[in-house]
Full PDB file with SEQRES, HELIX, SHEET, SSBOND, CRYST1, ORIGX, SCALE, CONECT and MASTER records, all heavy atoms in Angstrom:
SEQRES   1 A   38  GLY SER LEU ASP PHE THR ASP VAL HIS MET GLY VAL LEU          
SEQRES   2 A   38  THR ASN GLN ILE LEU GLY ILE LEU ARG VAL HIS HIS ILE          
SEQRES   3 A   38  GLY CYS PRO SER GLY LEU ALA MET PHE ALA ARG GLY              
HELIX    1 AA1 PHE A    5  ASP A    7  5                                   3    
HELIX    2 AA2 MET A   10  VAL A   23  1                                  14    
HELIX    3 AA3 SER A   30  ARG A   37  1                                   8    
CRYST1    1.000    1.000    1.000  90.00  90.00  90.00 P 1           1          
ORIGX1      1.000000  0.000000  0.000000        0.00000                         
ORIGX2      0.000000  1.000000  0.000000        0.00000                         
ORIGX3      0.000000  0.000000  1.000000        0.00000                         
SCALE1      1.000000  0.000000  0.000000        0.00000                         
SCALE2      0.000000  1.000000  0.000000        0.00000                         
SCALE3      0.000000  0.000000  1.000000        0.00000                         
ATOM      1  N   GLY A   1      48.972 130.148 114.344  1.00  0.00           N  
ATOM      2  CA  GLY A   1      50.048 131.078 114.640  1.00  0.00           C  
ATOM      3  C   GLY A   1      51.256 130.933 113.736  1.00  0.00           C  
ATOM      4  O   GLY A   1      51.874 131.914 113.329  1.00  0.00           O  
ATOM      5  N   SER A   2      51.618 129.689 113.369  1.00  0.00           N  
ATOM      6  CA  SER A   2      52.822 129.447 112.567  1.00  0.00           C  
ATOM      7  C   SER A   2      52.508 129.186 111.101  1.00  0.00           C  
ATOM      8  O   SER A   2      53.410 128.915 110.311  1.00  0.00           O  
ATOM      9  CB  SER A   2      53.587 128.246 113.138  1.00  0.00           C  
ATOM     10  OG  SER A   2      52.771 127.084 113.131  1.00  0.00           O  
ATOM     11  N   LEU A   3      51.229 129.265 110.730  1.00  0.00           N  
ATOM     12  CA  LEU A   3      50.850 128.985 109.345  1.00  0.00           C  
ATOM     13  C   LEU A   3      50.908 130.241 108.499  1.00  0.00           C  
ATOM     14  O   LEU A   3      50.644 131.346 108.978  1.00  0.00           O  
ATOM     15  CB  LEU A   3      49.431 128.413 109.284  1.00  0.00           C  
ATOM     16  CG  LEU A   3      49.220 126.993 109.819  1.00  0.00           C  
ATOM     17  CD1 LEU A   3      47.744 126.623 109.722  1.00  0.00           C  
ATOM     18  CD2 LEU A   3      50.050 125.984 109.040  1.00  0.00           C  
ATOM     19  N   ASP A   4      51.256 130.061 107.232  1.00  0.00           N  
ATOM     20  CA  ASP A   4      51.133 131.155 106.274  1.00  0.00           C  
ATOM     21  C   ASP A   4      49.650 131.401 106.016  1.00  0.00           C  
ATOM     22  O   ASP A   4      48.847 130.475 105.993  1.00  0.00           O  
ATOM     23  CB  ASP A   4      51.848 130.804 104.968  1.00  0.00           C  
ATOM     24  CG  ASP A   4      51.853 131.979 104.006  1.00  0.00           C  
ATOM     25  OD1 ASP A   4      52.735 132.841 104.117  1.00  0.00           O  
ATOM     26  OD2 ASP A   4      50.953 132.028 103.153  1.00  0.00           O  
ATOM     27  N   PHE A   5      49.296 132.651 105.816  1.00  0.00           N  
ATOM     28  CA  PHE A   5      47.887 133.007 105.651  1.00  0.00           C  
ATOM     29  C   PHE A   5      47.231 132.252 104.503  1.00  0.00           C  
ATOM     30  O   PHE A   5      46.061 131.901 104.560  1.00  0.00           O  
ATOM     31  CB  PHE A   5      47.784 134.522 105.418  1.00  0.00           C  
ATOM     32  CG  PHE A   5      46.429 135.085 105.694  1.00  0.00           C  
ATOM     33  CD1 PHE A   5      45.928 135.125 106.983  1.00  0.00           C  
ATOM     34  CD2 PHE A   5      45.657 135.589 104.662  1.00  0.00           C  
ATOM     35  CE1 PHE A   5      44.682 135.649 107.240  1.00  0.00           C  
ATOM     36  CE2 PHE A   5      44.407 136.119 104.912  1.00  0.00           C  
ATOM     37  CZ  PHE A   5      43.924 136.151 106.209  1.00  0.00           C  
ATOM     38  N   THR A   6      47.996 131.978 103.457  1.00  0.00           N  
ATOM     39  CA  THR A   6      47.435 131.303 102.284  1.00  0.00           C  
ATOM     40  C   THR A   6      47.195 129.821 102.531  1.00  0.00           C  
ATOM     41  O   THR A   6      46.541 129.162 101.723  1.00  0.00           O  
ATOM     42  CB  THR A   6      48.374 131.473 101.069  1.00  0.00           C  
ATOM     43  OG1 THR A   6      49.667 130.950 101.412  1.00  0.00           O  
ATOM     44  CG2 THR A   6      48.501 132.937 100.705  1.00  0.00           C  
ATOM     45  N   ASP A   7      47.725 129.275 103.644  1.00  0.00           N  
ATOM     46  CA  ASP A   7      47.535 127.851 103.939  1.00  0.00           C  
ATOM     47  C   ASP A   7      46.295 127.585 104.777  1.00  0.00           C  
ATOM     48  O   ASP A   7      45.967 126.432 105.051  1.00  0.00           O  
ATOM     49  CB  ASP A   7      48.763 127.306 104.684  1.00  0.00           C  
ATOM     50  CG  ASP A   7      50.020 127.340 103.824  1.00  0.00           C  
ATOM     51  OD1 ASP A   7      49.876 127.218 102.589  1.00  0.00           O  
ATOM     52  OD2 ASP A   7      51.119 127.509 104.375  1.00  0.00           O  
ATOM     53  N   VAL A   8      45.610 128.634 105.201  1.00  0.00           N  
ATOM     54  CA  VAL A   8      44.443 128.479 106.069  1.00  0.00           C  
ATOM     55  C   VAL A   8      43.198 128.253 105.210  1.00  0.00           C  
ATOM     56  O   VAL A   8      42.968 128.964 104.233  1.00  0.00           O  
ATOM     57  CB  VAL A   8      44.252 129.734 106.947  1.00  0.00           C  
ATOM     58  CG1 VAL A   8      43.028 129.580 107.837  1.00  0.00           C  
ATOM     59  CG2 VAL A   8      45.494 129.978 107.791  1.00  0.00           C  
ATOM     60  N   HIS A   9      42.393 127.262 105.574  1.00  0.00           N  
ATOM     61  CA  HIS A   9      41.140 127.000 104.882  1.00  0.00           C  
ATOM     62  C   HIS A   9      40.014 127.710 105.619  1.00  0.00           C  
ATOM     63  O   HIS A   9      39.754 127.446 106.796  1.00  0.00           O  
ATOM     64  CB  HIS A   9      40.867 125.501 104.815  1.00  0.00           C  
ATOM     65  CG  HIS A   9      41.889 124.739 104.028  1.00  0.00           C  
ATOM     66  ND1 HIS A   9      42.213 125.058 102.727  1.00  0.00           N  
ATOM     67  CD2 HIS A   9      42.672 123.684 104.352  1.00  0.00           C  
ATOM     68  CE1 HIS A   9      43.132 124.236 102.272  1.00  0.00           C  
ATOM     69  NE2 HIS A   9      43.440 123.393 103.253  1.00  0.00           N  
ATOM     70  N   MET A  10      39.352 128.594 104.905  1.00  0.00           N  
ATOM     71  CA  MET A  10      38.345 129.423 105.552  1.00  0.00           C  
ATOM     72  C   MET A  10      37.141 128.605 106.009  1.00  0.00           C  
ATOM     73  O   MET A  10      36.531 128.901 107.039  1.00  0.00           O  
ATOM     74  CB  MET A  10      37.897 130.535 104.588  1.00  0.00           C  
ATOM     75  CG  MET A  10      37.007 131.549 105.250  1.00  0.00           C  
ATOM     76  SD  MET A  10      36.752 132.990 104.222  1.00  0.00           S  
ATOM     77  CE  MET A  10      35.620 133.909 105.261  1.00  0.00           C  
ATOM     78  N   GLY A  11      36.781 127.575 105.238  1.00  0.00           N  
ATOM     79  CA  GLY A  11      35.658 126.733 105.644  1.00  0.00           C  
ATOM     80  C   GLY A  11      35.917 126.046 106.963  1.00  0.00           C  
ATOM     81  O   GLY A  11      35.034 125.978 107.834  1.00  0.00           O  
ATOM     82  N   VAL A  12      37.135 125.545 107.157  1.00  0.00           N  
ATOM     83  CA  VAL A  12      37.503 124.892 108.414  1.00  0.00           C  
ATOM     84  C   VAL A  12      37.478 125.903 109.558  1.00  0.00           C  
ATOM     85  O   VAL A  12      36.962 125.629 110.650  1.00  0.00           O  
ATOM     86  CB  VAL A  12      38.896 124.244 108.292  1.00  0.00           C  
ATOM     87  CG1 VAL A  12      39.331 123.673 109.635  1.00  0.00           C  
ATOM     88  CG2 VAL A  12      38.885 123.159 107.225  1.00  0.00           C  
ATOM     89  N   LEU A  13      38.036 127.093 109.308  1.00  0.00           N  
ATOM     90  CA  LEU A  13      38.052 128.135 110.329  1.00  0.00           C  
ATOM     91  C   LEU A  13      36.629 128.508 110.750  1.00  0.00           C  
ATOM     92  O   LEU A  13      36.324 128.623 111.945  1.00  0.00           O  
ATOM     93  CB  LEU A  13      38.785 129.371 109.794  1.00  0.00           C  
ATOM     94  CG  LEU A  13      38.718 130.635 110.664  1.00  0.00           C  
ATOM     95  CD1 LEU A  13      39.447 130.416 111.983  1.00  0.00           C  
ATOM     96  CD2 LEU A  13      39.295 131.835 109.921  1.00  0.00           C  
ATOM     97  N   THR A  14      35.742 128.691 109.765  1.00  0.00           N  
ATOM     98  CA  THR A  14      34.365 129.075 110.076  1.00  0.00           C  
ATOM     99  C   THR A  14      33.661 127.990 110.864  1.00  0.00           C  
ATOM    100  O   THR A  14      32.915 128.277 111.812  1.00  0.00           O  
ATOM    101  CB  THR A  14      33.590 129.372 108.776  1.00  0.00           C  
ATOM    102  OG1 THR A  14      34.331 130.297 107.981  1.00  0.00           O  
ATOM    103  CG2 THR A  14      32.227 129.952 109.081  1.00  0.00           C  
ATOM    104  N   ASN A  15      33.888 126.729 110.501  1.00  0.00           N  
ATOM    105  CA  ASN A  15      33.279 125.633 111.250  1.00  0.00           C  
ATOM    106  C   ASN A  15      33.807 125.574 112.679  1.00  0.00           C  
ATOM    107  O   ASN A  15      33.078 125.229 113.612  1.00  0.00           O  
ATOM    108  CB  ASN A  15      33.535 124.302 110.537  1.00  0.00           C  
ATOM    109  CG  ASN A  15      32.502 124.027 109.465  1.00  0.00           C  
ATOM    110  OD1 ASN A  15      31.368 124.492 109.555  1.00  0.00           O  
ATOM    111  ND2 ASN A  15      32.885 123.290 108.444  1.00  0.00           N  
ATOM    112  N   GLN A  16      35.071 125.920 112.870  1.00  0.00           N  
ATOM    113  CA  GLN A  16      35.618 125.960 114.231  1.00  0.00           C  
ATOM    114  C   GLN A  16      34.937 127.055 115.050  1.00  0.00           C  
ATOM    115  O   GLN A  16      34.633 126.870 116.232  1.00  0.00           O  
ATOM    116  CB  GLN A  16      37.130 126.198 114.180  1.00  0.00           C  
ATOM    117  CG  GLN A  16      37.929 124.989 113.717  1.00  0.00           C  
ATOM    118  CD  GLN A  16      39.420 125.277 113.663  1.00  0.00           C  
ATOM    119  OE1 GLN A  16      39.844 126.329 113.205  1.00  0.00           O  
ATOM    120  NE2 GLN A  16      40.219 124.338 114.120  1.00  0.00           N  
ATOM    121  N   ILE A  17      34.702 128.197 114.415  1.00  0.00           N  
ATOM    122  CA  ILE A  17      34.015 129.291 115.109  1.00  0.00           C  
ATOM    123  C   ILE A  17      32.593 128.868 115.477  1.00  0.00           C  
ATOM    124  O   ILE A  17      32.122 129.102 116.596  1.00  0.00           O  
ATOM    125  CB  ILE A  17      34.010 130.560 114.237  1.00  0.00           C  
ATOM    126  CG1 ILE A  17      35.431 131.110 114.091  1.00  0.00           C  
ATOM    127  CG2 ILE A  17      33.092 131.622 114.836  1.00  0.00           C  
ATOM    128  CD1 ILE A  17      35.553 132.295 113.155  1.00  0.00           C  
ATOM    129  N   LEU A  18      31.896 128.214 114.535  1.00  0.00           N  
ATOM    130  CA  LEU A  18      30.536 127.755 114.826  1.00  0.00           C  
ATOM    131  C   LEU A  18      30.541 126.703 115.925  1.00  0.00           C  
ATOM    132  O   LEU A  18      29.604 126.630 116.738  1.00  0.00           O  
ATOM    133  CB  LEU A  18      29.893 127.194 113.557  1.00  0.00           C  
ATOM    134  CG  LEU A  18      29.600 128.202 112.440  1.00  0.00           C  
ATOM    135  CD1 LEU A  18      28.901 127.523 111.280  1.00  0.00           C  
ATOM    136  CD2 LEU A  18      28.758 129.355 112.958  1.00  0.00           C  
ATOM    137  N   GLY A  19      31.593 125.872 115.951  1.00  0.00           N  
ATOM    138  CA  GLY A  19      31.706 124.888 117.016  1.00  0.00           C  
ATOM    139  C   GLY A  19      31.845 125.546 118.378  1.00  0.00           C  
ATOM    140  O   GLY A  19      31.249 125.101 119.366  1.00  0.00           O  
ATOM    141  N   ILE A  20      32.619 126.632 118.432  1.00  0.00           N  
ATOM    142  CA  ILE A  20      32.769 127.373 119.691  1.00  0.00           C  
ATOM    143  C   ILE A  20      31.431 127.988 120.108  1.00  0.00           C  
ATOM    144  O   ILE A  20      31.059 127.961 121.284  1.00  0.00           O  
ATOM    145  CB  ILE A  20      33.858 128.456 119.537  1.00  0.00           C  
ATOM    146  CG1 ILE A  20      35.241 127.803 119.422  1.00  0.00           C  
ATOM    147  CG2 ILE A  20      33.829 129.429 120.719  1.00  0.00           C  
ATOM    148  CD1 ILE A  20      36.361 128.782 119.138  1.00  0.00           C  
ATOM    149  N   LEU A  21      30.691 128.516 119.135  1.00  0.00           N  
ATOM    150  CA  LEU A  21      29.365 129.060 119.441  1.00  0.00           C  
ATOM    151  C   LEU A  21      28.458 127.982 120.029  1.00  0.00           C  
ATOM    152  O   LEU A  21      27.726 128.223 120.996  1.00  0.00           O  
ATOM    153  CB  LEU A  21      28.721 129.647 118.175  1.00  0.00           C  
ATOM    154  CG  LEU A  21      29.347 130.909 117.582  1.00  0.00           C  
ATOM    155  CD1 LEU A  21      28.624 131.300 116.307  1.00  0.00           C  
ATOM    156  CD2 LEU A  21      29.310 132.059 118.577  1.00  0.00           C  
ATOM    157  N   ARG A  22      28.522 126.786 119.430  1.00  0.00           N  
ATOM    158  CA  ARG A  22      27.660 125.701 119.900  1.00  0.00           C  
ATOM    159  C   ARG A  22      28.040 125.267 121.315  1.00  0.00           C  
ATOM    160  O   ARG A  22      27.167 125.063 122.169  1.00  0.00           O  
ATOM    161  CB  ARG A  22      27.752 124.511 118.940  1.00  0.00           C  
ATOM    162  CG  ARG A  22      26.769 123.388 119.275  1.00  0.00           C  
ATOM    163  CD  ARG A  22      26.783 122.278 118.243  1.00  0.00           C  
ATOM    164  NE  ARG A  22      28.040 121.549 118.271  1.00  0.00           N  
ATOM    165  CZ  ARG A  22      28.938 121.559 117.291  1.00  0.00           C  
ATOM    166  NH1 ARG A  22      28.724 122.287 116.221  1.00  0.00           N  
ATOM    167  NH2 ARG A  22      30.051 120.860 117.379  1.00  0.00           N  
ATOM    168  N   VAL A  23      29.340 125.138 121.580  1.00  0.00           N  
ATOM    169  CA  VAL A  23      29.796 124.703 122.905  1.00  0.00           C  
ATOM    170  C   VAL A  23      29.368 125.700 123.984  1.00  0.00           C  
ATOM    171  O   VAL A  23      28.988 125.302 125.097  1.00  0.00           O  
ATOM    172  CB  VAL A  23      31.332 124.533 122.909  1.00  0.00           C  
ATOM    173  CG1 VAL A  23      31.860 124.372 124.321  1.00  0.00           C  
ATOM    174  CG2 VAL A  23      31.727 123.327 122.063  1.00  0.00           C  
ATOM    175  N   HIS A  24      29.396 126.988 123.661  1.00  0.00           N  
ATOM    176  CA  HIS A  24      29.049 128.010 124.644  1.00  0.00           C  
ATOM    177  C   HIS A  24      27.574 128.402 124.567  1.00  0.00           C  
ATOM    178  O   HIS A  24      27.178 129.419 125.154  1.00  0.00           O  
ATOM    179  CB  HIS A  24      29.943 129.240 124.460  1.00  0.00           C  
ATOM    180  CG  HIS A  24      31.361 129.000 124.878  1.00  0.00           C  
ATOM    181  ND1 HIS A  24      31.810 129.236 126.149  1.00  0.00           N  
ATOM    182  CD2 HIS A  24      32.437 128.504 124.199  1.00  0.00           C  
ATOM    183  CE1 HIS A  24      33.087 128.919 126.254  1.00  0.00           C  
ATOM    184  NE2 HIS A  24      33.503 128.472 125.073  1.00  0.00           N  
ATOM    185  N   HIS A  25      26.788 127.624 123.836  1.00  0.00           N  
ATOM    186  CA  HIS A  25      25.337 127.823 123.751  1.00  0.00           C  
ATOM    187  C   HIS A  25      24.983 129.237 123.273  1.00  0.00           C  
ATOM    188  O   HIS A  25      24.096 129.903 123.830  1.00  0.00           O  
ATOM    189  CB  HIS A  25      24.680 127.537 125.104  1.00  0.00           C  
ATOM    190  CG  HIS A  25      25.025 126.183 125.662  1.00  0.00           C  
ATOM    191  ND1 HIS A  25      24.563 125.004 125.100  1.00  0.00           N  
ATOM    192  CD2 HIS A  25      25.812 125.807 126.708  1.00  0.00           C  
ATOM    193  CE1 HIS A  25      25.030 123.970 125.782  1.00  0.00           C  
ATOM    194  NE2 HIS A  25      25.803 124.424 126.743  1.00  0.00           N  
ATOM    195  N   ILE A  26      25.709 129.688 122.264  1.00  0.00           N  
ATOM    196  CA  ILE A  26      25.452 130.980 121.639  1.00  0.00           C  
ATOM    197  C   ILE A  26      24.749 130.713 120.310  1.00  0.00           C  
ATOM    198  O   ILE A  26      25.223 129.921 119.496  1.00  0.00           O  
ATOM    199  CB  ILE A  26      26.752 131.761 121.400  1.00  0.00           C  
ATOM    200  CG1 ILE A  26      27.480 131.997 122.737  1.00  0.00           C  
ATOM    201  CG2 ILE A  26      26.461 133.093 120.722  1.00  0.00           C  
ATOM    202  CD1 ILE A  26      28.852 132.618 122.581  1.00  0.00           C  
ATOM    203  N   GLY A  27      23.593 131.354 120.097  1.00  0.00           N  
ATOM    204  CA  GLY A  27      22.824 131.125 118.877  1.00  0.00           C  
ATOM    205  C   GLY A  27      23.548 131.627 117.643  1.00  0.00           C  
ATOM    206  O   GLY A  27      24.427 132.490 117.707  1.00  0.00           O  
ATOM    207  N   CYS A  28      23.169 131.065 116.498  1.00  0.00           N  
ATOM    208  CA  CYS A  28      23.816 131.414 115.232  1.00  0.00           C  
ATOM    209  C   CYS A  28      22.757 131.716 114.174  1.00  0.00           C  
ATOM    210  O   CYS A  28      21.840 130.917 113.984  1.00  0.00           O  
ATOM    211  CB  CYS A  28      24.713 130.260 114.768  1.00  0.00           C  
ATOM    212  SG  CYS A  28      25.434 130.491 113.140  1.00  0.00           S  
ATOM    213  N   PRO A  29      22.843 132.852 113.481  1.00  0.00           N  
ATOM    214  CA  PRO A  29      21.895 133.140 112.397  1.00  0.00           C  
ATOM    215  C   PRO A  29      21.987 132.066 111.307  1.00  0.00           C  
ATOM    216  O   PRO A  29      23.076 131.562 111.005  1.00  0.00           O  
ATOM    217  CB  PRO A  29      22.353 134.506 111.867  1.00  0.00           C  
ATOM    218  CG  PRO A  29      23.195 135.088 112.960  1.00  0.00           C  
ATOM    219  CD  PRO A  29      23.826 133.931 113.658  1.00  0.00           C  
ATOM    220  N   SER A  30      20.841 131.712 110.710  1.00  0.00           N  
ATOM    221  CA  SER A  30      20.831 130.657 109.695  1.00  0.00           C  
ATOM    222  C   SER A  30      21.691 131.035 108.492  1.00  0.00           C  
ATOM    223  O   SER A  30      22.309 130.166 107.864  1.00  0.00           O  
ATOM    224  CB  SER A  30      19.390 130.380 109.250  1.00  0.00           C  
ATOM    225  OG  SER A  30      18.786 131.551 108.723  1.00  0.00           O  
ATOM    226  N   GLY A  31      21.740 132.328 108.157  1.00  0.00           N  
ATOM    227  CA  GLY A  31      22.555 132.749 107.021  1.00  0.00           C  
ATOM    228  C   GLY A  31      24.027 132.492 107.248  1.00  0.00           C  
ATOM    229  O   GLY A  31      24.755 132.117 106.320  1.00  0.00           O  
ATOM    230  N   LEU A  32      24.480 132.636 108.486  1.00  0.00           N  
ATOM    231  CA  LEU A  32      25.879 132.397 108.792  1.00  0.00           C  
ATOM    232  C   LEU A  32      26.214 130.912 108.697  1.00  0.00           C  
ATOM    233  O   LEU A  32      27.284 130.524 108.213  1.00  0.00           O  
ATOM    234  CB  LEU A  32      26.208 132.924 110.186  1.00  0.00           C  
ATOM    235  CG  LEU A  32      27.664 132.804 110.626  1.00  0.00           C  
ATOM    236  CD1 LEU A  32      28.566 133.629 109.713  1.00  0.00           C  
ATOM    237  CD2 LEU A  32      27.827 133.232 112.076  1.00  0.00           C  
ATOM    238  N   ALA A  33      25.296 130.051 109.147  1.00  0.00           N  
ATOM    239  CA  ALA A  33      25.527 128.608 109.049  1.00  0.00           C  
ATOM    240  C   ALA A  33      25.583 128.173 107.587  1.00  0.00           C  
ATOM    241  O   ALA A  33      26.416 127.350 107.197  1.00  0.00           O  
ATOM    242  CB  ALA A  33      24.427 127.856 109.790  1.00  0.00           C  
ATOM    243  N   MET A  34      24.709 128.728 106.760  1.00  0.00           N  
ATOM    244  CA  MET A  34      24.728 128.407 105.334  1.00  0.00           C  
ATOM    245  C   MET A  34      26.016 128.919 104.685  1.00  0.00           C  
ATOM    246  O   MET A  34      26.599 128.268 103.823  1.00  0.00           O  
ATOM    247  CB  MET A  34      23.509 129.027 104.646  1.00  0.00           C  
ATOM    248  CG  MET A  34      23.302 128.575 103.205  1.00  0.00           C  
ATOM    249  SD  MET A  34      21.803 129.274 102.463  1.00  0.00           S  
ATOM    250  CE  MET A  34      20.536 128.453 103.422  1.00  0.00           C  
ATOM    251  N   PHE A  35      26.479 130.068 105.144  1.00  0.00           N  
ATOM    252  CA  PHE A  35      27.744 130.621 104.660  1.00  0.00           C  
ATOM    253  C   PHE A  35      28.902 129.667 104.957  1.00  0.00           C  
ATOM    254  O   PHE A  35      29.766 129.444 104.106  1.00  0.00           O  
ATOM    255  CB  PHE A  35      27.983 131.984 105.324  1.00  0.00           C  
ATOM    256  CG  PHE A  35      29.417 132.385 105.436  1.00  0.00           C  
ATOM    257  CD1 PHE A  35      30.084 132.944 104.364  1.00  0.00           C  
ATOM    258  CD2 PHE A  35      30.109 132.205 106.636  1.00  0.00           C  
ATOM    259  CE1 PHE A  35      31.425 133.320 104.473  1.00  0.00           C  
ATOM    260  CE2 PHE A  35      31.434 132.572 106.748  1.00  0.00           C  
ATOM    261  CZ  PHE A  35      32.091 133.127 105.660  1.00  0.00           C  
ATOM    262  N   ALA A  36      28.915 129.088 106.158  1.00  0.00           N  
ATOM    263  CA  ALA A  36      29.998 128.186 106.545  1.00  0.00           C  
ATOM    264  C   ALA A  36      30.063 126.982 105.621  1.00  0.00           C  
ATOM    265  O   ALA A  36      31.136 126.606 105.131  1.00  0.00           O  
ATOM    266  CB  ALA A  36      29.807 127.736 108.000  1.00  0.00           C  
ATOM    267  N   ARG A  37      28.917 126.360 105.357  1.00  0.00           N  
ATOM    268  CA  ARG A  37      28.901 125.184 104.490  1.00  0.00           C  
ATOM    269  C   ARG A  37      29.201 125.581 103.045  1.00  0.00           C  
ATOM    270  O   ARG A  37      29.888 124.857 102.318  1.00  0.00           O  
ATOM    271  CB  ARG A  37      27.546 124.494 104.597  1.00  0.00           C  
ATOM    272  CG  ARG A  37      27.441 123.196 103.812  1.00  0.00           C  
ATOM    273  CD  ARG A  37      28.500 122.201 104.200  1.00  0.00           C  
ATOM    274  NE  ARG A  37      28.411 121.774 105.587  1.00  0.00           N  
ATOM    275  CZ  ARG A  37      29.181 120.849 106.122  1.00  0.00           C  
ATOM    276  NH1 ARG A  37      30.115 120.262 105.391  1.00  0.00           N  
ATOM    277  NH2 ARG A  37      29.056 120.515 107.391  1.00  0.00           N  
ATOM    278  N   GLY A  38      28.712 126.745 102.603  1.00  0.00           N  
ATOM    279  CA  GLY A  38      28.979 127.192 101.236  1.00  0.00           C  
ATOM    280  C   GLY A  38      30.447 127.466 101.003  1.00  0.00           C  
ATOM    281  O   GLY A  38      31.005 127.088  99.963  1.00  0.00           O  
TER     282      GLY A  38                                                      
MASTER        0    0    0    3    0    0    0    6  281    1    0    3          
END                                                                             
């Protein structure tokens, strides 16, 4: 909320989203997981 947009790391954000998917037992396409690490 208080960060400048340019200070956000997209890889960290994507991993946080995947973490939420995992906690709520929501499946994830393999291409999206590879995208996160890439």
